[in-house]
Amino acid sequence: MLREMLVVPYNDEWPQIYEEEKKVLSKIFGKVILDIQHFGSTSIKGMSAKPTIDIMIVVDDIKQIDTYDDIMKQHGYLVKGENGIKNRRYFVKLSPDNSGNHNYHLHIYQKGNQHISDELIFRDYLRIDSESFKEYEKVKIEASLKFRYSPSEYVDAKYECIMRIMDKAKRYFVN
């Protein structure tokens, strides 16, 4: 089946779903983890989102993560390597209903990677700026309706909005 870009209303269970998977990942990676965060739209209370839990892990040495590929496969994750972002390791866990939809996205970065702060700044800004929250949610819903079965077009449709909000977020948090 084709992966569906279905944006649904916020689910109060998303934080608990994250916490459960965090326990699994903490057992797998143990002391290698410097930080672990729930980010993305499911981490923003009230935000409509695709029901995919985005998890970020920060480590000292990104190359060390490659030794975990087999155990990640045993836990149902697909190993995607960098998947287009240098010095990241990316894993996807598919929905058990064989729909092709993703339940979890795991992004692992080496400390100091700019993507860490960018993702967290974006999340945190949407939590405090209701205007940006509404704008982003609206764009996501529209993109979902227009590009329901095209993940790349769905992502592209959100790009300008994300960049606008990211600019505001950086000015707010960094300056």
N, C-alpha and C. Protein backbone atom coordinates (compact mmCIF):
# COMPACT_ATOMS: atom_id res chain seq x y z
N MET A 1 0.82 -1.19 0.00
CA MET A 1 0.00 0.00 0.00
C MET A 1 0.86 1.25 0.00
N LEU A 2 0.26 2.33 -0.45
CA LEU A 2 0.94 3.61 -0.44
C LEU A 2 0.88 4.24 0.94
N ARG A 3 1.99 4.86 1.31
CA ARG A 3 2.03 5.59 2.58
C ARG A 3 1.10 6.79 2.50
N GLU A 4 0.27 6.94 3.52
CA GLU A 4 -0.75 7.98 3.52
C GLU A 4 -0.35 9.15 4.42
N MET A 5 -0.42 10.34 3.87
CA MET A 5 -0.13 11.58 4.61
C MET A 5 -1.42 12.09 5.22
N LEU A 6 -1.93 11.38 6.19
CA LEU A 6 -3.21 11.71 6.80
C LEU A 6 -2.97 12.47 8.10
N VAL A 7 -3.37 13.74 8.11
CA VAL A 7 -3.26 14.56 9.31
C VAL A 7 -4.56 14.42 10.09
N VAL A 8 -4.43 14.06 11.36
CA VAL A 8 -5.59 13.80 12.22
C VAL A 8 -5.56 14.78 13.40
N PRO A 9 -6.69 14.96 14.07
CA PRO A 9 -6.69 15.83 15.26
C PRO A 9 -5.74 15.30 16.32
N TYR A 10 -5.26 16.21 17.16
CA TYR A 10 -4.34 15.85 18.24
C TYR A 10 -4.92 14.71 19.08
N ASN A 11 -4.04 13.79 19.46
CA ASN A 11 -4.41 12.65 20.28
C ASN A 11 -3.69 12.77 21.63
N ASP A 12 -4.45 12.86 22.71
CA ASP A 12 -3.86 12.99 24.05
C ASP A 12 -2.97 11.81 24.44
N GLU A 13 -3.03 10.71 23.68
CA GLU A 13 -2.21 9.54 23.98
C GLU A 13 -0.81 9.63 23.38
N TRP A 14 -0.57 10.57 22.47
CA TRP A 14 0.74 10.65 21.81
C TRP A 14 1.91 10.80 22.79
N PRO A 15 1.81 11.64 23.83
CA PRO A 15 2.94 11.72 24.77
C PRO A 15 3.22 10.38 25.46
N GLN A 16 2.18 9.63 25.80
CA GLN A 16 2.38 8.34 26.45
C GLN A 16 2.95 7.31 25.47
N ILE A 17 2.52 7.36 24.22
CA ILE A 17 3.08 6.47 23.19
C ILE A 17 4.58 6.73 23.06
N TYR A 18 4.94 8.02 23.06
CA TYR A 18 6.36 8.38 23.03
C TYR A 18 7.09 7.80 24.24
N GLU A 19 6.53 7.98 25.43
CA GLU A 19 7.19 7.50 26.65
C GLU A 19 7.43 5.99 26.61
N GLU A 20 6.47 5.25 26.07
CA GLU A 20 6.63 3.79 25.97
C GLU A 20 7.77 3.42 25.02
N GLU A 21 7.84 4.10 23.89
CA GLU A 21 8.92 3.81 22.93
C GLU A 21 10.26 4.31 23.45
N LYS A 22 10.24 5.37 24.20
CA LYS A 22 11.47 5.89 24.83
C LYS A 22 12.07 4.82 25.74
N LYS A 23 11.23 4.10 26.48
CA LYS A 23 11.71 3.02 27.36
C LYS A 23 12.41 1.94 26.55
N VAL A 24 11.81 1.57 25.42
CA VAL A 24 12.39 0.55 24.54
C VAL A 24 13.75 1.01 24.03
N LEU A 25 13.78 2.24 23.52
CA LEU A 25 15.02 2.77 22.95
C LEU A 25 16.09 2.97 24.01
N SER A 26 15.68 3.34 25.20
CA SER A 26 16.64 3.51 26.30
C SER A 26 17.29 2.18 26.67
N LYS A 27 16.53 1.10 26.59
CA LYS A 27 17.10 -0.23 26.86
C LYS A 27 18.07 -0.63 25.74
N ILE A 28 17.72 -0.30 24.51
CA ILE A 28 18.58 -0.66 23.38
C ILE A 28 19.89 0.11 23.43
N PHE A 29 19.82 1.43 23.54
CA PHE A 29 21.01 2.27 23.41
C PHE A 29 21.70 2.59 24.74
N GLY A 30 20.98 2.45 25.85
CA GLY A 30 21.57 2.63 27.17
C GLY A 30 22.36 3.91 27.33
N LYS A 31 23.60 3.76 27.81
CA LYS A 31 24.44 4.91 28.16
C LYS A 31 24.94 5.69 26.95
N VAL A 32 24.71 5.18 25.76
CA VAL A 32 25.11 5.91 24.54
C VAL A 32 24.28 7.18 24.40
N ILE A 33 23.07 7.18 24.96
CA ILE A 33 22.15 8.32 24.85
C ILE A 33 22.59 9.46 25.75
N LEU A 34 22.83 10.62 25.14
CA LEU A 34 23.08 11.84 25.91
C LEU A 34 21.77 12.58 26.19
N ASP A 35 20.85 12.50 25.23
CA ASP A 35 19.55 13.15 25.36
C ASP A 35 18.57 12.42 24.46
N ILE A 36 17.33 12.43 24.86
CA ILE A 36 16.26 11.86 24.03
C ILE A 36 15.06 12.78 24.15
N GLN A 37 14.46 13.11 23.00
CA GLN A 37 13.39 14.10 22.96
C GLN A 37 12.26 13.64 22.04
N HIS A 38 11.06 13.99 22.42
CA HIS A 38 9.88 13.87 21.55
C HIS A 38 9.78 15.20 20.82
N PHE A 39 9.77 15.18 19.50
CA PHE A 39 9.65 16.41 18.74
C PHE A 39 8.68 16.18 17.61
N GLY A 40 8.56 17.14 16.72
CA GLY A 40 7.59 17.01 15.65
C GLY A 40 6.20 17.36 16.16
N SER A 41 5.24 17.31 15.27
CA SER A 41 3.89 17.79 15.57
C SER A 41 3.18 17.01 16.67
N THR A 42 3.48 15.72 16.82
CA THR A 42 2.81 14.96 17.88
C THR A 42 3.28 15.38 19.27
N SER A 43 4.35 16.16 19.33
CA SER A 43 4.86 16.63 20.62
C SER A 43 4.29 17.99 21.01
N ILE A 44 3.43 18.54 20.18
CA ILE A 44 2.88 19.88 20.41
C ILE A 44 1.41 19.73 20.77
N LYS A 45 1.09 19.95 22.03
CA LYS A 45 -0.28 19.74 22.52
C LYS A 45 -1.29 20.52 21.66
N GLY A 46 -2.30 19.79 21.17
CA GLY A 46 -3.37 20.39 20.39
C GLY A 46 -3.13 20.41 18.89
N MET A 47 -1.92 20.13 18.43
CA MET A 47 -1.58 20.22 17.01
C MET A 47 -2.08 18.98 16.25
N SER A 48 -2.84 19.21 15.20
CA SER A 48 -3.19 18.11 14.30
C SER A 48 -1.90 17.61 13.64
N ALA A 49 -1.83 16.31 13.39
CA ALA A 49 -0.58 15.74 12.88
C ALA A 49 -0.82 14.39 12.24
N LYS A 50 0.17 13.95 11.46
CA LYS A 50 0.19 12.55 11.07
C LYS A 50 0.51 11.79 12.37
N PRO A 51 -0.13 10.66 12.60
CA PRO A 51 0.09 9.95 13.86
C PRO A 51 1.42 9.17 13.88
N THR A 52 2.49 9.90 13.61
CA THR A 52 3.84 9.34 13.62
C THR A 52 4.63 10.05 14.72
N ILE A 53 5.17 9.27 15.64
CA ILE A 53 5.91 9.84 16.75
C ILE A 53 7.37 10.03 16.31
N ASP A 54 7.80 11.30 16.33
CA ASP A 54 9.19 11.64 16.00
C ASP A 54 10.01 11.66 17.29
N ILE A 55 11.11 10.92 17.27
CA ILE A 55 11.98 10.81 18.44
C ILE A 55 13.40 11.18 18.00
N MET A 56 14.06 11.99 18.83
CA MET A 56 15.44 12.38 18.56
C MET A 56 16.32 11.87 19.70
N ILE A 57 17.41 11.25 19.31
CA ILE A 57 18.43 10.83 20.27
C ILE A 57 19.72 11.56 19.91
N VAL A 58 20.41 12.05 20.92
CA VAL A 58 21.70 12.71 20.75
C VAL A 58 22.76 11.80 21.36
N VAL A 59 23.87 11.60 20.62
CA VAL A 59 24.95 10.72 21.06
C VAL A 59 26.30 11.42 20.88
N ASP A 60 27.32 10.87 21.48
CA ASP A 60 28.68 11.40 21.32
C ASP A 60 29.28 11.08 19.96
N ASP A 61 29.05 9.85 19.46
CA ASP A 61 29.70 9.39 18.23
C ASP A 61 28.65 8.73 17.32
N ILE A 62 28.29 9.41 16.25
CA ILE A 62 27.23 8.92 15.35
C ILE A 62 27.62 7.59 14.68
N LYS A 63 28.91 7.39 14.42
CA LYS A 63 29.34 6.15 13.75
C LYS A 63 29.09 4.92 14.61
N GLN A 64 29.09 5.11 15.92
CA GLN A 64 28.84 4.01 16.85
C GLN A 64 27.42 3.44 16.67
N ILE A 65 26.50 4.26 16.19
CA ILE A 65 25.10 3.84 16.04
C ILE A 65 24.96 2.73 15.00
N ASP A 66 25.86 2.69 14.02
CA ASP A 66 25.78 1.67 12.98
C ASP A 66 25.88 0.25 13.55
N THR A 67 26.47 0.11 14.73
CA THR A 67 26.58 -1.22 15.35
C THR A 67 25.24 -1.69 15.93
N TYR A 68 24.24 -0.82 15.95
CA TYR A 68 22.93 -1.16 16.50
C TYR A 68 21.90 -1.56 15.43
N ASP A 69 22.31 -1.60 14.18
CA ASP A 69 21.36 -1.87 13.10
C ASP A 69 20.60 -3.18 13.28
N ASP A 70 21.31 -4.25 13.63
CA ASP A 70 20.64 -5.55 13.76
C ASP A 70 19.61 -5.56 14.89
N ILE A 71 19.97 -5.00 16.03
CA ILE A 71 19.02 -4.98 17.15
C ILE A 71 17.83 -4.08 16.83
N MET A 72 18.05 -3.01 16.08
CA MET A 72 16.94 -2.14 15.69
C MET A 72 15.99 -2.90 14.76
N LYS A 73 16.54 -3.69 13.85
CA LYS A 73 15.70 -4.52 12.98
C LYS A 73 14.88 -5.51 13.81
N GLN A 74 15.50 -6.08 14.84
CA GLN A 74 14.79 -7.03 15.71
C GLN A 74 13.62 -6.35 16.44
N HIS A 75 13.71 -5.05 16.64
CA HIS A 75 12.65 -4.30 17.31
C HIS A 75 11.69 -3.65 16.30
N GLY A 76 11.76 -4.09 15.05
CA GLY A 76 10.79 -3.67 14.05
C GLY A 76 11.12 -2.40 13.29
N TYR A 77 12.33 -1.90 13.44
CA TYR A 77 12.72 -0.68 12.74
C TYR A 77 13.39 -1.00 11.41
N LEU A 78 13.12 -0.17 10.43
CA LEU A 78 13.84 -0.20 9.17
C LEU A 78 15.04 0.73 9.31
N VAL A 79 16.19 0.28 8.86
CA VAL A 79 17.42 1.05 8.96
C VAL A 79 17.58 1.86 7.68
N LYS A 80 17.64 3.19 7.81
CA LYS A 80 17.68 4.07 6.64
C LYS A 80 18.99 4.82 6.49
N GLY A 81 19.97 4.59 7.35
CA GLY A 81 21.25 5.30 7.27
C GLY A 81 21.06 6.79 7.48
N GLU A 82 21.80 7.60 6.71
CA GLU A 82 21.67 9.06 6.83
C GLU A 82 20.36 9.55 6.23
N ASN A 83 19.85 8.88 5.22
CA ASN A 83 18.58 9.22 4.56
C ASN A 83 18.50 10.71 4.19
N GLY A 84 19.57 11.20 3.57
CA GLY A 84 19.56 12.56 3.05
C GLY A 84 20.04 13.64 3.99
N ILE A 85 20.34 13.31 5.23
CA ILE A 85 20.86 14.31 6.17
C ILE A 85 22.20 13.81 6.70
N LYS A 86 23.26 14.53 6.32
CA LYS A 86 24.62 14.14 6.70
C LYS A 86 24.75 14.03 8.22
N ASN A 87 25.43 12.99 8.63
CA ASN A 87 25.72 12.72 10.05
C ASN A 87 24.48 12.48 10.90
N ARG A 88 23.47 11.93 10.27
CA ARG A 88 22.28 11.48 11.01
C ARG A 88 22.15 9.98 10.77
N ARG A 89 21.54 9.29 11.71
CA ARG A 89 21.10 7.92 11.49
C ARG A 89 19.60 7.95 11.69
N TYR A 90 18.90 7.35 10.72
CA TYR A 90 17.45 7.45 10.67
C TYR A 90 16.85 6.05 10.63
N PHE A 91 15.84 5.84 11.47
CA PHE A 91 15.14 4.56 11.56
C PHE A 91 13.64 4.83 11.49
N VAL A 92 12.92 3.90 10.87
CA VAL A 92 11.47 4.02 10.73
C VAL A 92 10.84 2.72 11.22
N LYS A 93 9.79 2.85 12.01
CA LYS A 93 9.01 1.68 12.42
C LYS A 93 7.64 1.80 11.76
N LEU A 94 7.30 0.78 10.98
CA LEU A 94 6.04 0.79 10.24
C LEU A 94 4.87 0.36 11.12
N SER A 95 3.70 0.80 10.72
CA SER A 95 2.47 0.41 11.39
C SER A 95 2.26 -1.10 11.23
N PRO A 96 1.83 -1.80 12.27
CA PRO A 96 1.63 -3.25 12.17
C PRO A 96 0.46 -3.66 11.27
N ASP A 97 -0.33 -2.69 10.79
CA ASP A 97 -1.47 -3.03 9.93
C ASP A 97 -1.09 -3.23 8.46
N ASN A 98 0.23 -3.22 8.16
CA ASN A 98 0.73 -3.41 6.79
C ASN A 98 0.24 -2.34 5.82
N SER A 99 -0.11 -1.17 6.33
CA SER A 99 -0.57 -0.08 5.48
C SER A 99 0.58 0.64 4.79
N GLY A 100 1.79 0.47 5.31
CA GLY A 100 2.93 1.22 4.81
C GLY A 100 3.12 2.53 5.56
N ASN A 101 2.18 2.86 6.45
CA ASN A 101 2.31 4.08 7.24
C ASN A 101 3.35 3.90 8.33
N HIS A 102 3.90 5.00 8.79
CA HIS A 102 4.95 4.98 9.80
C HIS A 102 4.38 5.29 11.18
N ASN A 103 4.75 4.49 12.16
CA ASN A 103 4.37 4.77 13.55
C ASN A 103 5.42 5.63 14.25
N TYR A 104 6.72 5.38 13.93
CA TYR A 104 7.81 6.08 14.58
C TYR A 104 8.86 6.48 13.56
N HIS A 105 9.42 7.67 13.76
CA HIS A 105 10.62 8.12 13.06
C HIS A 105 11.65 8.38 14.14
N LEU A 106 12.79 7.73 14.05
CA LEU A 106 13.87 7.93 15.00
C LEU A 106 15.03 8.61 14.29
N HIS A 107 15.39 9.78 14.78
CA HIS A 107 16.50 10.56 14.25
C HIS A 107 17.60 10.56 15.31
N ILE A 108 18.79 10.09 14.94
CA ILE A 108 19.90 10.09 15.88
C ILE A 108 20.99 11.01 15.31
N TYR A 109 21.41 11.96 16.15
CA TYR A 109 22.42 12.93 15.77
C TYR A 109 23.57 12.91 16.76
N GLN A 110 24.75 13.24 16.24
CA GLN A 110 25.89 13.45 17.11
C GLN A 110 25.78 14.83 17.72
N LYS A 111 26.14 14.94 19.01
CA LYS A 111 26.04 16.24 19.69
C LYS A 111 26.74 17.31 18.85
N GLY A 112 26.13 18.50 18.84
CA GLY A 112 26.67 19.61 18.07
C GLY A 112 26.05 19.75 16.69
N ASN A 113 25.31 18.75 16.23
CA ASN A 113 24.66 18.82 14.92
C ASN A 113 23.59 19.91 14.95
N GLN A 114 23.58 20.77 13.95
CA GLN A 114 22.65 21.90 13.89
C GLN A 114 21.19 21.44 13.87
N HIS A 115 20.92 20.26 13.35
CA HIS A 115 19.54 19.77 13.29
C HIS A 115 18.92 19.59 14.68
N ILE A 116 19.74 19.33 15.67
CA ILE A 116 19.22 19.15 17.03
C ILE A 116 18.54 20.44 17.49
N SER A 117 19.26 21.52 17.47
CA SER A 117 18.68 22.77 17.96
C SER A 117 17.57 23.26 17.04
N ASP A 118 17.71 23.07 15.73
CA ASP A 118 16.66 23.50 14.80
C ASP A 118 15.34 22.81 15.10
N GLU A 119 15.37 21.51 15.27
CA GLU A 119 14.13 20.77 15.54
C GLU A 119 13.50 21.20 16.86
N LEU A 120 14.32 21.39 17.88
CA LEU A 120 13.79 21.72 19.19
C LEU A 120 13.30 23.17 19.26
N ILE A 121 14.00 24.07 18.58
CA ILE A 121 13.55 25.46 18.51
C ILE A 121 12.21 25.56 17.80
N PHE A 122 12.07 24.83 16.69
CA PHE A 122 10.82 24.84 15.94
C PHE A 122 9.67 24.33 16.81
N ARG A 123 9.89 23.20 17.46
CA ARG A 123 8.88 22.62 18.37
C ARG A 123 8.50 23.59 19.46
N ASP A 124 9.51 24.13 20.12
CA ASP A 124 9.25 25.00 21.28
C ASP A 124 8.56 26.30 20.87
N TYR A 125 8.89 26.80 19.70
CA TYR A 125 8.24 28.04 19.24
C TYR A 125 6.77 27.80 18.94
N LEU A 126 6.45 26.69 18.31
CA LEU A 126 5.05 26.38 18.03
C LEU A 126 4.25 26.18 19.31
N ARG A 127 4.91 25.80 20.38
CA ARG A 127 4.24 25.64 21.67
C ARG A 127 3.87 26.98 22.30
N ILE A 128 4.55 28.06 21.91
CA ILE A 128 4.28 29.36 22.55
C ILE A 128 3.67 30.41 21.63
N ASP A 129 3.75 30.22 20.32
CA ASP A 129 3.22 31.23 19.39
C ASP A 129 1.96 30.68 18.71
N SER A 130 0.80 31.09 19.20
CA SER A 130 -0.46 30.54 18.70
C SER A 130 -0.70 30.89 17.23
N GLU A 131 -0.23 32.04 16.78
CA GLU A 131 -0.40 32.42 15.38
C GLU A 131 0.37 31.47 14.46
N SER A 132 1.63 31.19 14.81
CA SER A 132 2.44 30.26 14.02
C SER A 132 1.88 28.84 14.11
N PHE A 133 1.39 28.47 15.29
CA PHE A 133 0.76 27.17 15.49
C PHE A 133 -0.39 26.99 14.50
N LYS A 134 -1.29 27.97 14.45
CA LYS A 134 -2.46 27.90 13.56
C LYS A 134 -2.05 27.88 12.10
N GLU A 135 -1.07 28.70 11.75
CA GLU A 135 -0.60 28.76 10.36
C GLU A 135 -0.03 27.41 9.93
N TYR A 136 0.84 26.85 10.76
CA TYR A 136 1.46 25.57 10.42
C TYR A 136 0.43 24.44 10.36
N GLU A 137 -0.47 24.41 11.31
CA GLU A 137 -1.51 23.38 11.31
C GLU A 137 -2.35 23.45 10.04
N LYS A 138 -2.71 24.66 9.65
CA LYS A 138 -3.52 24.84 8.44
C LYS A 138 -2.78 24.36 7.19
N VAL A 139 -1.52 24.71 7.09
CA VAL A 139 -0.70 24.28 5.95
C VAL A 139 -0.58 22.76 5.92
N LYS A 140 -0.38 22.15 7.08
CA LYS A 140 -0.27 20.68 7.15
C LYS A 140 -1.56 20.00 6.69
N ILE A 141 -2.68 20.51 7.15
CA ILE A 141 -3.97 19.91 6.78
C ILE A 141 -4.20 20.05 5.28
N GLU A 142 -3.95 21.24 4.76
CA GLU A 142 -4.12 21.47 3.31
C GLU A 142 -3.19 20.57 2.49
N ALA A 143 -1.94 20.46 2.92
CA ALA A 143 -0.98 19.61 2.22
C ALA A 143 -1.42 18.15 2.27
N SER A 144 -1.95 17.74 3.40
CA SER A 144 -2.43 16.37 3.56
C SER A 144 -3.57 16.06 2.60
N LEU A 145 -4.47 17.01 2.45
CA LEU A 145 -5.61 16.80 1.55
C LEU A 145 -5.17 16.79 0.08
N LYS A 146 -4.23 17.63 -0.25
CA LYS A 146 -3.79 17.77 -1.64
C LYS A 146 -2.80 16.67 -2.05
N PHE A 147 -1.95 16.26 -1.13
CA PHE A 147 -0.88 15.30 -1.45
C PHE A 147 -0.95 14.07 -0.55
N ARG A 148 -2.14 13.53 -0.39
CA ARG A 148 -2.40 12.43 0.54
C ARG A 148 -1.46 11.23 0.33
N TYR A 149 -1.14 10.91 -0.91
CA TYR A 149 -0.31 9.73 -1.18
C TYR A 149 1.04 10.10 -1.80
N SER A 150 1.51 11.28 -1.52
CA SER A 150 2.80 11.72 -2.04
C SER A 150 3.62 12.38 -0.92
N PRO A 151 4.37 11.58 -0.18
CA PRO A 151 5.14 12.14 0.94
C PRO A 151 6.06 13.29 0.54
N SER A 152 6.73 13.18 -0.59
CA SER A 152 7.66 14.25 -0.97
C SER A 152 6.93 15.55 -1.29
N GLU A 153 5.78 15.47 -1.95
CA GLU A 153 5.02 16.68 -2.25
C GLU A 153 4.40 17.26 -0.98
N TYR A 154 4.00 16.40 -0.06
CA TYR A 154 3.48 16.84 1.23
C TYR A 154 4.54 17.66 1.97
N VAL A 155 5.75 17.13 2.02
CA VAL A 155 6.86 17.82 2.69
C VAL A 155 7.17 19.14 1.98
N ASP A 156 7.24 19.10 0.66
CA ASP A 156 7.53 20.31 -0.12
C ASP A 156 6.48 21.40 0.10
N ALA A 157 5.23 21.00 0.22
CA ALA A 157 4.14 21.97 0.40
C ALA A 157 4.24 22.71 1.73
N LYS A 158 4.92 22.14 2.70
CA LYS A 158 5.06 22.75 4.01
C LYS A 158 6.33 23.61 4.13
N TYR A 159 7.23 23.48 3.18
CA TYR A 159 8.58 24.04 3.30
C TYR A 159 8.59 25.54 3.58
N GLU A 160 7.91 26.33 2.77
CA GLU A 160 7.95 27.79 2.95
C GLU A 160 7.40 28.20 4.31
N CYS A 161 6.34 27.58 4.74
CA CYS A 161 5.76 27.87 6.05
C CYS A 161 6.76 27.53 7.15
N ILE A 162 7.40 26.40 7.05
CA ILE A 162 8.38 25.98 8.05
C ILE A 162 9.52 26.99 8.12
N MET A 163 10.01 27.43 6.96
CA MET A 163 11.12 28.37 6.93
C MET A 163 10.73 29.72 7.56
N ARG A 164 9.51 30.17 7.30
CA ARG A 164 9.02 31.42 7.90
C ARG A 164 8.96 31.32 9.42
N ILE A 165 8.39 30.22 9.89
CA ILE A 165 8.27 30.02 11.33
C ILE A 165 9.64 29.81 11.96
N MET A 166 10.51 29.09 11.27
CA MET A 166 11.85 28.85 11.79
C MET A 166 12.61 30.16 11.94
N ASP A 167 12.44 31.05 10.99
CA ASP A 167 13.09 32.36 11.06
C ASP A 167 12.62 33.12 12.31
N LYS A 168 11.31 33.10 12.55
CA LYS A 168 10.77 33.76 13.75
C LYS A 168 11.28 33.09 15.02
N ALA A 169 11.31 31.76 15.00
CA ALA A 169 11.76 31.01 16.17
C ALA A 169 13.21 31.31 16.51
N LYS A 170 14.05 31.37 15.50
CA LYS A 170 15.47 31.67 15.75
C LYS A 170 15.64 33.08 16.29
N ARG A 171 14.90 34.01 15.74
CA ARG A 171 14.97 35.40 16.26
C ARG A 171 14.52 35.43 17.71
N TYR A 172 13.50 34.67 18.03
CA TYR A 172 12.96 34.65 19.39
C TYR A 172 13.93 34.01 20.39
N PHE A 173 14.45 32.83 20.04
CA PHE A 173 15.27 32.07 20.98
C PHE A 173 16.76 32.42 20.94
N VAL A 174 17.26 32.77 19.78
CA VAL A 174 18.71 32.95 19.63
C VAL A 174 19.12 34.39 19.88
N ASN A 175 18.32 35.34 19.48
CA ASN A 175 18.69 36.75 19.62
C ASN A 175 18.26 37.32 20.95
